[in-house]
Structures are given as structure tokens and as C-alpha cells.
Amino acid sequence: MNNIPNKTFNEQVYEIVSSIPKGYVMTYKQIANKLNCRAYRAVGNALNKNPHPISKVPCHRVIKTNLELGGYAWDIMRKVELLEAEGITFKKIGYDPSKWIVKR
């Protein structure tokens, strides 16, 4: 793993996520790849424990590799609202927003 000196795995994840611009998303896998690892679930666990405000670490901008929204610690509909406010649109498949797919 590409360790930045004196930074924990979670801090490295937060640093990467903080660089995602408004209107864009990144996958858990892409974040893990930037850390030279395959710890996709660990990335999700780190984001679930995000102690920072969304203005600093916008974890709502992280989605699954298949472009589904996945989960969100602060309620999936809040994730939808935040992404829509940034111009992200979805293909709404069924009633479960976690299964909605981000349109590219």
C-alpha cells in the first residue's frame, strides 16, 4: 500500500475523497487503487466513520463500481439530494435508491 508518512489508512481515504470536485463521483475501487490496494470495503468502512463535515470530506460522492449509489451513513435519500444538487442524475431502478445508477 502507498502509505503517506504519518497518515492512517482512513486519513488517506479522506484526503482522496476531499479532492473529488462537485458534480463528480468516484468509486470505492478507484479510491483503493489510488492507495495501491484492493481494500474496497475498508474504504467504505473509513467513509462510514468519517468525522469530518461533508464540505471537507464529501463522502456522498463515492459510489459502487457498478455505478449504483450504494450506502450512506446519513440516509440514502440525503445522498441522492446532495448529488442531485451537484448536477448528478440517476437511472431510478425500483424503489430502493441504493440500487439507482449514476448516469454518466
Protein backbone atom coordinates (compact mmCIF):
# COMPACT_ATOMS: atom_id res chain seq x y z
CA MET A 1 0.00 0.00 0.00
CA ASN A 2 1.18 3.51 -0.81
CA ASN A 3 1.48 4.89 2.71
CA ILE A 4 1.88 8.60 3.16
CA PRO A 5 4.12 9.09 6.24
CA ASN A 6 2.22 9.67 9.49
CA LYS A 7 -1.21 9.18 7.88
CA THR A 8 -3.58 6.39 8.75
CA PHE A 9 -5.48 4.47 6.09
CA ASN A 10 -8.64 6.42 6.96
CA GLU A 11 -6.84 9.76 6.72
CA GLN A 12 -5.51 8.78 3.30
CA VAL A 13 -9.06 7.88 2.18
CA TYR A 14 -10.40 11.22 3.45
CA GLU A 15 -7.65 13.07 1.61
CA ILE A 16 -8.54 11.39 -1.69
CA VAL A 17 -12.28 11.90 -1.22
CA SER A 18 -11.75 15.56 -0.34
CA SER A 19 -10.27 16.03 -3.83
CA ILE A 20 -13.43 14.87 -5.67
CA PRO A 21 -14.93 18.01 -7.25
CA LYS A 22 -18.62 18.92 -7.12
CA GLY A 23 -20.59 17.20 -9.85
CA TYR A 24 -18.25 14.20 -9.99
CA VAL A 25 -18.19 10.80 -8.35
CA MET A 26 -15.51 8.22 -7.65
CA THR A 27 -15.87 4.54 -6.84
CA TYR A 28 -14.66 2.72 -3.75
CA LYS A 29 -12.42 0.71 -6.08
CA GLN A 30 -10.88 3.82 -7.64
CA ILE A 31 -10.04 5.14 -4.17
CA ALA A 32 -8.48 1.81 -3.15
CA ASN A 33 -6.47 1.76 -6.39
CA LYS A 34 -5.10 5.22 -5.60
CA LEU A 35 -3.89 3.74 -2.32
CA ASN A 36 -2.29 0.83 -4.23
CA CYS A 37 -4.50 -1.71 -2.52
CA ARG A 38 -7.68 -3.72 -3.10
CA ALA A 39 -9.34 -2.84 0.20
CA TYR A 40 -12.61 -1.59 -1.31
CA ARG A 41 -14.65 -2.49 1.77
CA ALA A 42 -12.10 -0.83 4.03
CA VAL A 43 -12.60 2.36 2.03
CA GLY A 44 -16.35 2.09 2.68
CA ASN A 45 -15.74 1.46 6.37
CA ALA A 46 -13.49 4.50 6.59
CA LEU A 47 -16.15 6.66 4.96
CA ASN A 48 -18.80 5.29 7.30
CA LYS A 49 -16.67 6.63 10.17
CA ASN A 50 -15.94 9.98 8.51
CA PRO A 51 -15.61 12.51 11.36
CA HIS A 52 -15.41 15.47 9.00
CA PRO A 53 -18.26 17.63 7.64
CA ILE A 54 -19.33 16.89 4.07
CA SER A 55 -17.87 20.22 2.99
CA LYS A 56 -14.41 18.87 3.87
CA VAL A 57 -14.80 15.15 3.00
CA PRO A 58 -17.74 14.75 0.61
CA CYS A 59 -18.26 11.01 1.06
CA HIS A 60 -21.63 11.27 -0.72
CA ARG A 61 -19.58 11.44 -3.96
CA VAL A 62 -18.39 7.85 -3.58
CA ILE A 63 -20.36 5.10 -5.34
CA LYS A 64 -20.08 1.41 -6.18
CA THR A 65 -18.07 0.17 -9.16
CA ASN A 66 -21.28 -0.84 -10.98
CA LEU A 67 -22.38 2.83 -10.67
CA GLU A 68 -25.08 2.05 -8.08
CA LEU A 69 -25.28 4.59 -5.26
CA GLY A 70 -24.59 2.05 -2.54
CA GLY A 71 -24.95 3.18 1.05
CA TYR A 72 -24.67 6.39 3.01
CA ALA A 73 -24.33 6.75 6.76
CA TRP A 74 -26.62 9.81 6.87
CA ASP A 75 -29.53 8.23 4.92
CA ILE A 76 -29.51 7.25 1.28
CA MET A 77 -32.09 9.89 0.32
CA ARG A 78 -29.77 12.56 1.72
CA LYS A 79 -27.05 11.21 -0.60
CA VAL A 80 -29.49 11.46 -3.52
CA GLU A 81 -30.35 15.07 -2.59
CA LEU A 82 -26.71 16.08 -2.25
CA LEU A 83 -25.72 14.54 -5.58
CA GLU A 84 -28.74 15.97 -7.41
CA ALA A 85 -27.88 19.42 -6.04
CA GLU A 86 -24.45 18.97 -7.67
CA GLY A 87 -25.99 18.04 -11.04
CA ILE A 88 -25.69 14.26 -10.84
CA THR A 89 -28.63 12.38 -12.39
CA PHE A 90 -29.76 8.79 -11.91
CA LYS A 91 -31.46 5.94 -13.64
CA LYS A 92 -34.02 5.08 -10.98
CA ILE A 93 -34.38 1.31 -10.85
CA GLY A 94 -37.14 0.24 -8.48
CA TYR A 95 -37.87 1.79 -5.11
CA ASP A 96 -34.51 1.23 -3.42
CA PRO A 97 -32.34 4.34 -4.01
CA SER A 98 -29.16 2.42 -3.15
CA LYS A 99 -29.72 0.50 -6.42
CA TRP A 100 -30.16 3.63 -8.54
CA ILE A 101 -27.43 4.04 -11.13
CA VAL A 102 -25.49 7.25 -11.71
CA LYS A 103 -25.84 8.45 -15.30
CA ARG A 104 -22.58 9.44 -16.92
